[in-house]
Amino acid sequence: MDKRVLLPTDYSKNALNAIRYALELYKNVRCDFYILNVFHISGYTLDSMRVPESGEPYYEAAKQESEEGMEKLMQMVKLHPQNDKHEFHTITTFNSLTEAIRNVIDKKDIDIIVMGTKGITESKARIFGTNTVNVMEQIKECPVIAVPNNYMFETPREIVFPTDYKAPFKKKEIGDLIEISKLYDARINVVHIDKDKDGKLSRKENANKELLQEILQGTDYQMHFLPADNISRGINKFIEDHGCDMVAFLNKKHLFFGSILSNPLVKKIGYEPKVPILELNDN
């Protein structure tokens, strides 16, 4: 099983931490890692009428700074134990982050993105950095793992997968969840938060639950039914009670969590991530 993993970096400590997490998570998997830095030029925005071009002094200075940063980063990455299964490729480019990521996904057939929850300039008050939110919101071509600041790699043993069973599942959508579960014999805890407190599923919800069970066949999984007055408290309590190492969300537009990190969701989950989040897309 070969995997192509995109690692966006702004050369912050948090970004380096996410890279280290990815190397550990996929240490037994043959991987091509694409490390991407998107550089900017002060005074220019991508919306301005005039975009700086290769050869212009501002452009060349920003490009050089980006390339030097990449050299230093690769020296740090080499301090990680060498792994013959892993190959590294570096990309520096002038673009918006989401457009640059789209280009790399397209050209390199990327399977998954791993990044930090916050970058170098993000405020401590914010749970997720703007870049992470934008990537999770706008990139639908592949899943994203967001690694909290300072999170040290823990072998995934218990994964939480909250759902409301409102929409049918597809095997392709939750393939990465199943893959990580099988890599580490991790249990997938399917958690249904019962907002109505009646303890019942409709016929359609039951059918979707049965479909999910079929898809999860061959993995270690458990179904949980939790009464909760508040989705966020229900999820957080489950994570704490079961010592979970990862939360997986299926980012379906207009359903349950809405779009995963849009404001309503962040308010709803009310959730300072203490463990990595695997965001899956309903593509």
C-alpha atoms as a PDB file:
ATOM      1  CA  MET A   1       0.000   0.000   0.000  1.00  0.00           C
ATOM      2  CA  ASP A   2       1.727   3.175  -1.169  1.00  0.00           C
ATOM      3  CA  LYS A   3       0.542   6.514   0.164  1.00  0.00           C
ATOM      4  CA  ARG A   4       1.073  10.073  -0.982  1.00  0.00           C
ATOM      5  CA  VAL A   5       0.955  12.479   1.943  1.00  0.00           C
ATOM      6  CA  LEU A   6       0.942  16.270   1.672  1.00  0.00           C
ATOM      7  CA  LEU A   7       2.530  18.181   4.567  1.00  0.00           C
ATOM      8  CA  PRO A   8       1.914  21.952   4.372  1.00  0.00           C
ATOM      9  CA  THR A   9       4.358  23.956   6.498  1.00  0.00           C
ATOM     10  CA  ASP A  10       4.868  27.585   7.491  1.00  0.00           C
ATOM     11  CA  TYR A  11       8.114  26.517   9.236  1.00  0.00           C
ATOM     12  CA  SER A  12       6.471  26.883  12.649  1.00  0.00           C
ATOM     13  CA  LYS A  13       7.063  24.510  15.554  1.00  0.00           C
ATOM     14  CA  ASN A  14       3.438  23.342  15.193  1.00  0.00           C
ATOM     15  CA  ALA A  15       3.926  22.466  11.525  1.00  0.00           C
ATOM     16  CA  LEU A  16       7.116  20.523  12.338  1.00  0.00           C
ATOM     17  CA  ASN A  17       5.211  18.669  15.057  1.00  0.00           C
ATOM     18  CA  ALA A  18       2.512  17.670  12.509  1.00  0.00           C
ATOM     19  CA  ILE A  19       5.232  16.412  10.124  1.00  0.00           C
ATOM     20  CA  ARG A  20       6.725  14.273  12.911  1.00  0.00           C
ATOM     21  CA  TYR A  21       3.249  12.920  13.676  1.00  0.00           C
ATOM     22  CA  ALA A  22       2.766  11.916  10.021  1.00  0.00           C
ATOM     23  CA  LEU A  23       6.158  10.144   9.903  1.00  0.00           C
ATOM     24  CA  GLU A  24       5.233   8.137  12.996  1.00  0.00           C
ATOM     25  CA  LEU A  25       1.638   7.427  11.932  1.00  0.00           C
ATOM     26  CA  TYR A  26       2.781   6.000   8.595  1.00  0.00           C
ATOM     27  CA  LYS A  27       6.117   4.532   9.717  1.00  0.00           C
ATOM     28  CA  ASN A  28       5.145   1.061   8.447  1.00  0.00           C
ATOM     29  CA  VAL A  29       3.656   2.330   5.184  1.00  0.00           C
ATOM     30  CA  ARG A  30       5.569   3.054   1.981  1.00  0.00           C
ATOM     31  CA  CYS A  31       5.032   6.819   1.565  1.00  0.00           C
ATOM     32  CA  ASP A  32       5.928   9.747  -0.612  1.00  0.00           C
ATOM     33  CA  PHE A  33       5.814  12.870   1.556  1.00  0.00           C
ATOM     34  CA  TYR A  34       5.347  16.184  -0.245  1.00  0.00           C
ATOM     35  CA  ILE A  35       6.403  19.078   2.002  1.00  0.00           C
ATOM     36  CA  LEU A  36       4.831  22.328   0.801  1.00  0.00           C
ATOM     37  CA  ASN A  37       5.658  25.911   1.750  1.00  0.00           C
ATOM     38  CA  VAL A  38       3.579  28.704   0.251  1.00  0.00           C
ATOM     39  CA  PHE A  39       5.406  32.030   0.323  1.00  0.00           C
ATOM     40  CA  HIS A  40       3.872  35.497   0.263  1.00  0.00           C
ATOM     41  CA  ILE A  41       5.187  38.899  -0.695  1.00  0.00           C
ATOM     42  CA  SER A  42       4.377  41.807   1.587  1.00  0.00           C
ATOM     43  CA  GLY A  43       2.368  44.505  -0.139  1.00  0.00           C
ATOM     44  CA  TYR A  44       0.935  42.066  -2.679  1.00  0.00           C
ATOM     45  CA  THR A  45      -2.221  40.049  -2.432  1.00  0.00           C
ATOM     46  CA  LEU A  46      -3.369  37.456  -4.919  1.00  0.00           C
ATOM     47  CA  ASP A  47      -6.404  39.630  -5.614  1.00  0.00           C
ATOM     48  CA  SER A  48      -4.355  42.689  -6.585  1.00  0.00           C
ATOM     49  CA  MET A  49      -4.246  43.726 -10.217  1.00  0.00           C
ATOM     50  CA  ARG A  50      -0.529  43.089 -10.434  1.00  0.00           C
ATOM     51  CA  VAL A  51       1.102  39.876  -9.264  1.00  0.00           C
ATOM     52  CA  PRO A  52       4.905  39.843  -8.829  1.00  0.00           C
ATOM     53  CA  GLU A  53       6.692  37.655 -11.319  1.00  0.00           C
ATOM     54  CA  SER A  54       9.733  35.439 -11.243  1.00  0.00           C
ATOM     55  CA  GLY A  55      12.854  37.581 -11.648  1.00  0.00           C
ATOM     56  CA  GLU A  56      11.488  40.615  -9.792  1.00  0.00           C
ATOM     57  CA  PRO A  57      13.492  41.496  -6.642  1.00  0.00           C
ATOM     58  CA  TYR A  58      10.601  41.094  -4.139  1.00  0.00           C
ATOM     59  CA  TYR A  59       9.627  37.774  -5.642  1.00  0.00           C
ATOM     60  CA  GLU A  60      13.179  36.421  -5.695  1.00  0.00           C
ATOM     61  CA  ALA A  61      13.826  37.515  -2.089  1.00  0.00           C
ATOM     62  CA  ALA A  62      10.635  35.813  -0.846  1.00  0.00           C
ATOM     63  CA  LYS A  63      11.417  32.707  -2.882  1.00  0.00           C
ATOM     64  CA  GLN A  64      14.953  32.540  -1.489  1.00  0.00           C
ATOM     65  CA  GLU A  65      13.670  32.901   2.080  1.00  0.00           C
ATOM     66  CA  SER A  66      11.190  30.075   1.461  1.00  0.00           C
ATOM     67  CA  GLU A  67      13.874  27.812  -0.008  1.00  0.00           C
ATOM     68  CA  GLU A  68      16.278  28.512   2.866  1.00  0.00           C
ATOM     69  CA  GLY A  69      13.504  27.727   5.341  1.00  0.00           C
ATOM     70  CA  MET A  70      12.878  24.444   3.502  1.00  0.00           C
ATOM     71  CA  GLU A  71      16.582  23.513   3.698  1.00  0.00           C
ATOM     72  CA  LYS A  72      16.589  24.062   7.484  1.00  0.00           C
ATOM     73  CA  LEU A  73      13.353  22.114   7.850  1.00  0.00           C
ATOM     74  CA  MET A  74      14.731  19.152   5.875  1.00  0.00           C
ATOM     75  CA  GLN A  75      17.801  19.102   8.144  1.00  0.00           C
ATOM     76  CA  MET A  76      15.435  18.775  11.126  1.00  0.00           C
ATOM     77  CA  VAL A  77      13.389  16.087   9.377  1.00  0.00           C
ATOM     78  CA  LYS A  78      16.624  14.119   8.807  1.00  0.00           C
ATOM     79  CA  LEU A  79      17.148  13.977  12.579  1.00  0.00           C
ATOM     80  CA  HIS A  80      14.123  11.686  12.666  1.00  0.00           C
ATOM     81  CA  PRO A  81      15.172   7.989  12.459  1.00  0.00           C
ATOM     82  CA  GLN A  82      15.729   7.087   8.820  1.00  0.00           C
ATOM     83  CA  ASN A  83      12.977   5.013   7.246  1.00  0.00           C
ATOM     84  CA  ASP A  84      13.612   3.291   3.920  1.00  0.00           C
ATOM     85  CA  LYS A  85       9.865   3.246   3.248  1.00  0.00           C
ATOM     86  CA  HIS A  86       9.729   7.074   3.161  1.00  0.00           C
ATOM     87  CA  GLU A  87      10.691   9.438   0.368  1.00  0.00           C
ATOM     88  CA  PHE A  88      10.578  13.226   0.616  1.00  0.00           C
ATOM     89  CA  HIS A  89       9.807  15.855  -2.012  1.00  0.00           C
ATOM     90  CA  THR A  90       9.849  19.604  -1.375  1.00  0.00           C
ATOM     91  CA  ILE A  91       7.729  22.291  -3.034  1.00  0.00           C
ATOM     92  CA  THR A  92       7.928  26.068  -2.546  1.00  0.00           C
ATOM     93  CA  THR A  93       5.478  28.276  -4.413  1.00  0.00           C
ATOM     94  CA  PHE A  94       3.855  31.713  -4.502  1.00  0.00           C
ATOM     95  CA  ASN A  95       0.112  31.192  -4.248  1.00  0.00           C
ATOM     96  CA  SER A  96      -2.769  31.069  -1.796  1.00  0.00           C
ATOM     97  CA  LEU A  97      -2.501  28.045   0.490  1.00  0.00           C
ATOM     98  CA  THR A  98      -5.704  26.369  -0.711  1.00  0.00           C
ATOM     99  CA  GLU A  99      -4.872  26.874  -4.399  1.00  0.00           C
ATOM    100  CA  ALA A 100      -1.321  25.575  -3.881  1.00  0.00           C
ATOM    101  CA  ILE A 101      -2.712  22.507  -2.076  1.00  0.00           C
ATOM    102  CA  ARG A 102      -5.228  21.904  -4.881  1.00  0.00           C
ATOM    103  CA  ASN A 103      -2.433  22.053  -7.460  1.00  0.00           C
ATOM    104  CA  VAL A 104      -0.301  19.537  -5.563  1.00  0.00           C
ATOM    105  CA  ILE A 105      -3.274  17.178  -4.999  1.00  0.00           C
ATOM    106  CA  ASP A 106      -3.978  17.329  -8.718  1.00  0.00           C
ATOM    107  CA  LYS A 107      -0.409  16.880  -9.958  1.00  0.00           C
ATOM    108  CA  LYS A 108       0.811  14.381  -7.375  1.00  0.00           C
ATOM    109  CA  ASP A 109      -2.400  12.413  -6.734  1.00  0.00           C
ATOM    110  CA  ILE A 110      -2.290  13.110  -2.977  1.00  0.00           C
ATOM    111  CA  ASP A 111      -4.140  10.713  -0.645  1.00  0.00           C
ATOM    112  CA  ILE A 112      -4.190  12.705   2.603  1.00  0.00           C
ATOM    113  CA  ILE A 113      -3.064  16.035   4.115  1.00  0.00           C
ATOM    114  CA  VAL A 114      -1.488  16.232   7.580  1.00  0.00           C
ATOM    115  CA  MET A 115      -1.093  19.689   9.165  1.00  0.00           C
ATOM    116  CA  GLY A 116      -1.061  21.472  12.514  1.00  0.00           C
ATOM    117  CA  THR A 117      -4.217  22.963  14.005  1.00  0.00           C
ATOM    118  CA  LYS A 118      -2.497  26.355  14.188  1.00  0.00           C
ATOM    119  CA  GLY A 119       0.304  28.135  12.384  1.00  0.00           C
ATOM    120  CA  ILE A 120       2.972  30.597  13.356  1.00  0.00           C
ATOM    121  CA  THR A 121       0.846  33.747  13.640  1.00  0.00           C
ATOM    122  CA  GLU A 122      -2.356  32.334  15.086  1.00  0.00           C
ATOM    123  CA  SER A 123      -3.892  33.727  18.222  1.00  0.00           C
ATOM    124  CA  LYS A 124      -3.947  31.623  21.370  1.00  0.00           C
ATOM    125  CA  ALA A 125      -7.644  32.387  21.756  1.00  0.00           C
ATOM    126  CA  ARG A 126      -8.515  30.604  18.542  1.00  0.00           C
ATOM    127  CA  ILE A 127      -9.035  26.874  18.680  1.00  0.00           C
ATOM    128  CA  PHE A 128      -8.108  26.282  15.051  1.00  0.00           C
ATOM    129  CA  GLY A 129      -5.954  28.502  12.872  1.00  0.00           C
ATOM    130  CA  THR A 130      -7.447  30.201   9.838  1.00  0.00           C
ATOM    131  CA  ASN A 131      -5.334  28.154   7.419  1.00  0.00           C
ATOM    132  CA  THR A 132      -6.467  24.849   8.914  1.00  0.00           C
ATOM    133  CA  VAL A 133     -10.111  25.926   8.830  1.00  0.00           C
ATOM    134  CA  ASN A 134      -9.774  27.044   5.202  1.00  0.00           C
ATOM    135  CA  VAL A 135      -8.148  23.789   4.130  1.00  0.00           C
ATOM    136  CA  MET A 136     -10.783  21.662   5.892  1.00  0.00           C
ATOM    137  CA  GLU A 137     -13.593  23.806   4.521  1.00  0.00           C
ATOM    138  CA  GLN A 138     -12.405  24.183   0.946  1.00  0.00           C
ATOM    139  CA  ILE A 139     -10.400  21.076   0.089  1.00  0.00           C
ATOM    140  CA  LYS A 140     -12.794  18.248  -0.678  1.00  0.00           C
ATOM    141  CA  GLU A 141     -10.457  16.111  -2.771  1.00  0.00           C
ATOM    142  CA  CYS A 142      -8.868  14.236   0.128  1.00  0.00           C
ATOM    143  CA  PRO A 143      -9.047  13.862   3.927  1.00  0.00           C
ATOM    144  CA  VAL A 144      -7.166  16.066   6.398  1.00  0.00           C
ATOM    145  CA  ILE A 145      -5.544  15.142   9.704  1.00  0.00           C
ATOM    146  CA  ALA A 146      -5.176  18.178  11.997  1.00  0.00           C
ATOM    147  CA  VAL A 147      -2.614  17.669  14.777  1.00  0.00           C
ATOM    148  CA  PRO A 148      -2.965  19.819  17.934  1.00  0.00           C
ATOM    149  CA  ASN A 149      -0.025  21.956  19.001  1.00  0.00           C
ATOM    150  CA  ASN A 150       2.554  20.054  21.062  1.00  0.00           C
ATOM    151  CA  TYR A 151       0.711  16.738  20.637  1.00  0.00           C
ATOM    152  CA  MET A 152       3.212  13.888  20.985  1.00  0.00           C
ATOM    153  CA  PHE A 153       2.476  10.837  18.846  1.00  0.00           C
ATOM    154  CA  GLU A 154       0.444   8.150  20.578  1.00  0.00           C
ATOM    155  CA  THR A 155      -0.336   4.893  18.816  1.00  0.00           C
ATOM    156  CA  PRO A 156      -4.034   5.141  17.903  1.00  0.00           C
ATOM    157  CA  ARG A 157      -5.931   2.575  19.981  1.00  0.00           C
ATOM    158  CA  GLU A 158      -9.371   4.171  20.385  1.00  0.00           C
ATOM    159  CA  ILE A 159     -10.909   6.338  17.643  1.00  0.00           C
ATOM    160  CA  VAL A 160     -14.193   8.226  18.100  1.00  0.00           C
ATOM    161  CA  PHE A 161     -16.467   8.504  15.079  1.00  0.00           C
ATOM    162  CA  PRO A 162     -19.567  10.607  15.948  1.00  0.00           C
ATOM    163  CA  THR A 163     -22.585  10.298  13.646  1.00  0.00           C
ATOM    164  CA  ASP A 164     -26.290  11.037  13.546  1.00  0.00           C
ATOM    165  CA  TYR A 165     -27.060   8.339  10.888  1.00  0.00           C
ATOM    166  CA  LYS A 166     -28.920  10.972   8.851  1.00  0.00           C
ATOM    167  CA  ALA A 167     -27.207  10.135   5.558  1.00  0.00           C
ATOM    168  CA  PRO A 168     -26.012   6.863   4.012  1.00  0.00           C
ATOM    169  CA  PHE A 169     -22.304   6.041   4.197  1.00  0.00           C
ATOM    170  CA  LYS A 170     -19.923   5.116   1.393  1.00  0.00           C
ATOM    171  CA  LYS A 171     -16.900   2.895   1.896  1.00  0.00           C
ATOM    172  CA  LYS A 172     -14.720   5.328  -0.027  1.00  0.00           C
ATOM    173  CA  GLU A 173     -15.598   8.198   2.329  1.00  0.00           C
ATOM    174  CA  ILE A 174     -14.399   6.406   5.430  1.00  0.00           C
ATOM    175  CA  GLY A 175     -11.538   4.461   3.831  1.00  0.00           C
ATOM    176  CA  ASP A 176      -8.842   6.371   5.729  1.00  0.00           C
ATOM    177  CA  LEU A 177     -10.563   5.733   9.049  1.00  0.00           C
ATOM    178  CA  ILE A 178     -10.648   1.996   8.280  1.00  0.00           C
ATOM    179  CA  GLU A 179      -7.019   2.074   7.100  1.00  0.00           C
ATOM    180  CA  ILE A 180      -5.736   3.678  10.336  1.00  0.00           C
ATOM    181  CA  SER A 181      -7.856   1.293  12.403  1.00  0.00           C
ATOM    182  CA  LYS A 182      -6.339  -1.725  10.608  1.00  0.00           C
ATOM    183  CA  LEU A 183      -2.775  -0.346  10.757  1.00  0.00           C
ATOM    184  CA  TYR A 184      -2.901  -0.230  14.549  1.00  0.00           C
ATOM    185  CA  ASP A 185      -5.725  -2.622  15.472  1.00  0.00           C
ATOM    186  CA  ALA A 186      -7.499   0.465  16.793  1.00  0.00           C
ATOM    187  CA  ARG A 187     -11.125   0.271  17.844  1.00  0.00           C
ATOM    188  CA  ILE A 188     -13.557   2.543  15.993  1.00  0.00           C
ATOM    189  CA  ASN A 189     -16.132   3.841  18.472  1.00  0.00           C
ATOM    190  CA  VAL A 190     -19.198   4.880  16.495  1.00  0.00           C
ATOM    191  CA  VAL A 191     -20.917   7.370  18.802  1.00  0.00           C
ATOM    192  CA  HIS A 192     -24.507   8.421  18.217  1.00  0.00           C
ATOM    193  CA  ILE A 193     -25.431  11.415  20.357  1.00  0.00           C
ATOM    194  CA  ASP A 194     -29.158  11.203  20.995  1.00  0.00           C
ATOM    195  CA  LYS A 195     -30.288  14.828  20.872  1.00  0.00           C
ATOM    196  CA  ASP A 196     -33.976  13.900  21.032  1.00  0.00           C
ATOM    197  CA  LYS A 197     -33.500  11.768  24.178  1.00  0.00           C
ATOM    198  CA  ASP A 198     -36.080   9.269  22.959  1.00  0.00           C
ATOM    199  CA  GLY A 199     -33.516   6.537  22.396  1.00  0.00           C
ATOM    200  CA  LYS A 200     -34.980   5.600  19.004  1.00  0.00           C
ATOM    201  CA  LEU A 201     -33.759   5.701  15.430  1.00  0.00           C
ATOM    202  CA  SER A 202     -36.059   6.219  12.463  1.00  0.00           C
ATOM    203  CA  ARG A 203     -36.293   3.541   9.764  1.00  0.00           C
ATOM    204  CA  LYS A 204     -33.909   5.525   7.534  1.00  0.00           C
ATOM    205  CA  GLU A 205     -31.417   6.071  10.388  1.00  0.00           C
ATOM    206  CA  ASN A 206     -31.522   2.351  11.202  1.00  0.00           C
ATOM    207  CA  ALA A 207     -30.841   1.490   7.555  1.00  0.00           C
ATOM    208  CA  ASN A 208     -27.833   3.862   7.549  1.00  0.00           C
ATOM    209  CA  LYS A 209     -26.581   2.336  10.792  1.00  0.00           C
ATOM    210  CA  GLU A 210     -26.780  -1.165   9.278  1.00  0.00           C
ATOM    211  CA  LEU A 211     -24.957   0.037   6.154  1.00  0.00           C
ATOM    212  CA  LEU A 212     -22.160   1.479   8.325  1.00  0.00           C
ATOM    213  CA  GLN A 213     -21.879  -1.845  10.166  1.00  0.00           C
ATOM    214  CA  GLU A 214     -21.497  -3.637   6.824  1.00  0.00           C
ATOM    215  CA  ILE A 215     -18.747  -1.203   5.751  1.00  0.00           C
ATOM    216  CA  LEU A 216     -16.906  -1.607   9.086  1.00  0.00           C
ATOM    217  CA  GLN A 217     -16.990  -5.423   8.838  1.00  0.00           C
ATOM    218  CA  GLY A 218     -13.479  -6.757   9.461  1.00  0.00           C
ATOM    219  CA  THR A 219     -12.477  -3.873  11.757  1.00  0.00           C
ATOM    220  CA  ASP A 220     -12.684  -3.702  15.543  1.00  0.00           C
ATOM    221  CA  TYR A 221     -15.677  -1.420  16.082  1.00  0.00           C
ATOM    222  CA  GLN A 222     -18.317  -0.725  18.727  1.00  0.00           C
ATOM    223  CA  MET A 223     -21.590   1.175  18.439  1.00  0.00           C
ATOM    224  CA  HIS A 224     -22.472   3.558  21.263  1.00  0.00           C
ATOM    225  CA  PHE A 225     -25.704   5.398  21.938  1.00  0.00           C
ATOM    226  CA  LEU A 226     -25.292   8.417  24.210  1.00  0.00           C
ATOM    227  CA  PRO A 227     -28.033  10.622  25.615  1.00  0.00           C
ATOM    228  CA  ALA A 228     -26.696  14.176  25.794  1.00  0.00           C
ATOM    229  CA  ASP A 229     -28.180  17.618  26.123  1.00  0.00           C
ATOM    230  CA  ASN A 230     -25.157  18.960  24.294  1.00  0.00           C
ATOM    231  CA  ILE A 231     -23.216  17.380  21.419  1.00  0.00           C
ATOM    232  CA  SER A 232     -19.882  18.847  22.479  1.00  0.00           C
ATOM    233  CA  ARG A 233     -20.145  17.673  26.073  1.00  0.00           C
ATOM    234  CA  GLY A 234     -21.185  14.211  24.897  1.00  0.00           C
ATOM    235  CA  ILE A 235     -18.180  13.889  22.562  1.00  0.00           C
ATOM    236  CA  ASN A 236     -15.691  15.394  25.012  1.00  0.00           C
ATOM    237  CA  LYS A 237     -16.861  13.162  27.842  1.00  0.00           C
ATOM    238  CA  PHE A 238     -16.607  10.085  25.611  1.00  0.00           C
ATOM    239  CA  ILE A 239     -13.030  11.031  24.592  1.00  0.00           C
ATOM    240  CA  GLU A 240     -12.017  11.435  28.234  1.00  0.00           C
ATOM    241  CA  ASP A 241     -13.814   8.327  29.526  1.00  0.00           C
ATOM    242  CA  HIS A 242     -12.386   6.050  26.827  1.00  0.00           C
ATOM    243  CA  GLY A 243      -8.895   7.568  26.522  1.00  0.00           C
ATOM    244  CA  CYS A 244      -9.348   8.184  22.792  1.00  0.00           C
ATOM    245  CA  ASP A 245      -6.361   8.994  20.554  1.00  0.00           C
ATOM    246  CA  MET A 246      -8.207  10.400  17.518  1.00  0.00           C
ATOM    247  CA  VAL A 247     -11.548  11.888  16.499  1.00  0.00           C
ATOM    248  CA  ALA A 248     -12.863  11.222  12.991  1.00  0.00           C
ATOM    249  CA  PHE A 249     -15.598  13.401  11.441  1.00  0.00           C
ATOM    250  CA  LEU A 250     -17.402  12.916   8.171  1.00  0.00           C
ATOM    251  CA  ASN A 251     -17.702  16.433   6.826  1.00  0.00           C
ATOM    252  CA  LYS A 252     -21.113  16.388   5.180  1.00  0.00           C
ATOM    253  CA  LYS A 253     -22.449  19.778   4.206  1.00  0.00           C
ATOM    254  CA  HIS A 254     -25.672  20.849   5.941  1.00  0.00           C
ATOM    255  CA  LEU A 255     -25.783  17.783   8.188  1.00  0.00           C
ATOM    256  CA  PHE A 256     -25.227  17.174  11.893  1.00  0.00           C
ATOM    257  CA  PHE A 257     -21.930  19.022  12.285  1.00  0.00           C
ATOM    258  CA  GLY A 258     -22.620  21.111   9.228  1.00  0.00           C
ATOM    259  CA  SER A 259     -19.295  21.819   7.713  1.00  0.00           C
ATOM    260  CA  ILE A 260     -16.705  20.621  10.183  1.00  0.00           C
ATOM    261  CA  LEU A 261     -14.991  23.798  11.261  1.00  0.00           C
ATOM    262  CA  SER A 262     -17.425  26.443  10.190  1.00  0.00           C
ATOM    263  CA  ASN A 263     -18.361  28.703  13.085  1.00  0.00           C
ATOM    264  CA  PRO A 264     -21.518  26.799  14.016  1.00  0.00           C
ATOM    265  CA  LEU A 265     -19.519  23.608  14.388  1.00  0.00           C
ATOM    266  CA  VAL A 266     -16.763  25.117  16.489  1.00  0.00           C
ATOM    267  CA  LYS A 267     -19.417  26.608  18.746  1.00  0.00           C
ATOM    268  CA  LYS A 268     -21.338  23.343  18.823  1.00  0.00           C
ATOM    269  CA  ILE A 269     -18.376  21.126  19.532  1.00  0.00           C
ATOM    270  CA  GLY A 270     -16.892  23.780  21.817  1.00  0.00           C
ATOM    271  CA  TYR A 271     -13.876  21.651  21.510  1.00  0.00           C
ATOM    272  CA  GLU A 272     -10.193  22.352  22.173  1.00  0.00           C
ATOM    273  CA  PRO A 273      -8.641  19.428  20.314  1.00  0.00           C
ATOM    274  CA  LYS A 274      -6.401  17.405  22.596  1.00  0.00           C
ATOM    275  CA  VAL A 275      -6.075  14.573  20.072  1.00  0.00           C
ATOM    276  CA  PRO A 276      -5.669  14.626  16.280  1.00  0.00           C
ATOM    277  CA  ILE A 277      -8.781  15.108  14.149  1.00  0.00           C
ATOM    278  CA  LEU A 278      -9.304  13.095  10.979  1.00  0.00           C
ATOM    279  CA  GLU A 279     -11.682  14.999   8.733  1.00  0.00           C
ATOM    280  CA  LEU A 280     -13.247  12.824   6.042  1.00  0.00           C
ATOM    281  CA  ASN A 281     -15.136  14.201   3.047  1.00  0.00           C
ATOM    282  CA  ASP A 282     -18.319  13.033   1.376  1.00  0.00           C
ATOM    283  CA  ASN A 283     -16.851  13.307  -2.108  1.00  0.00           C
END
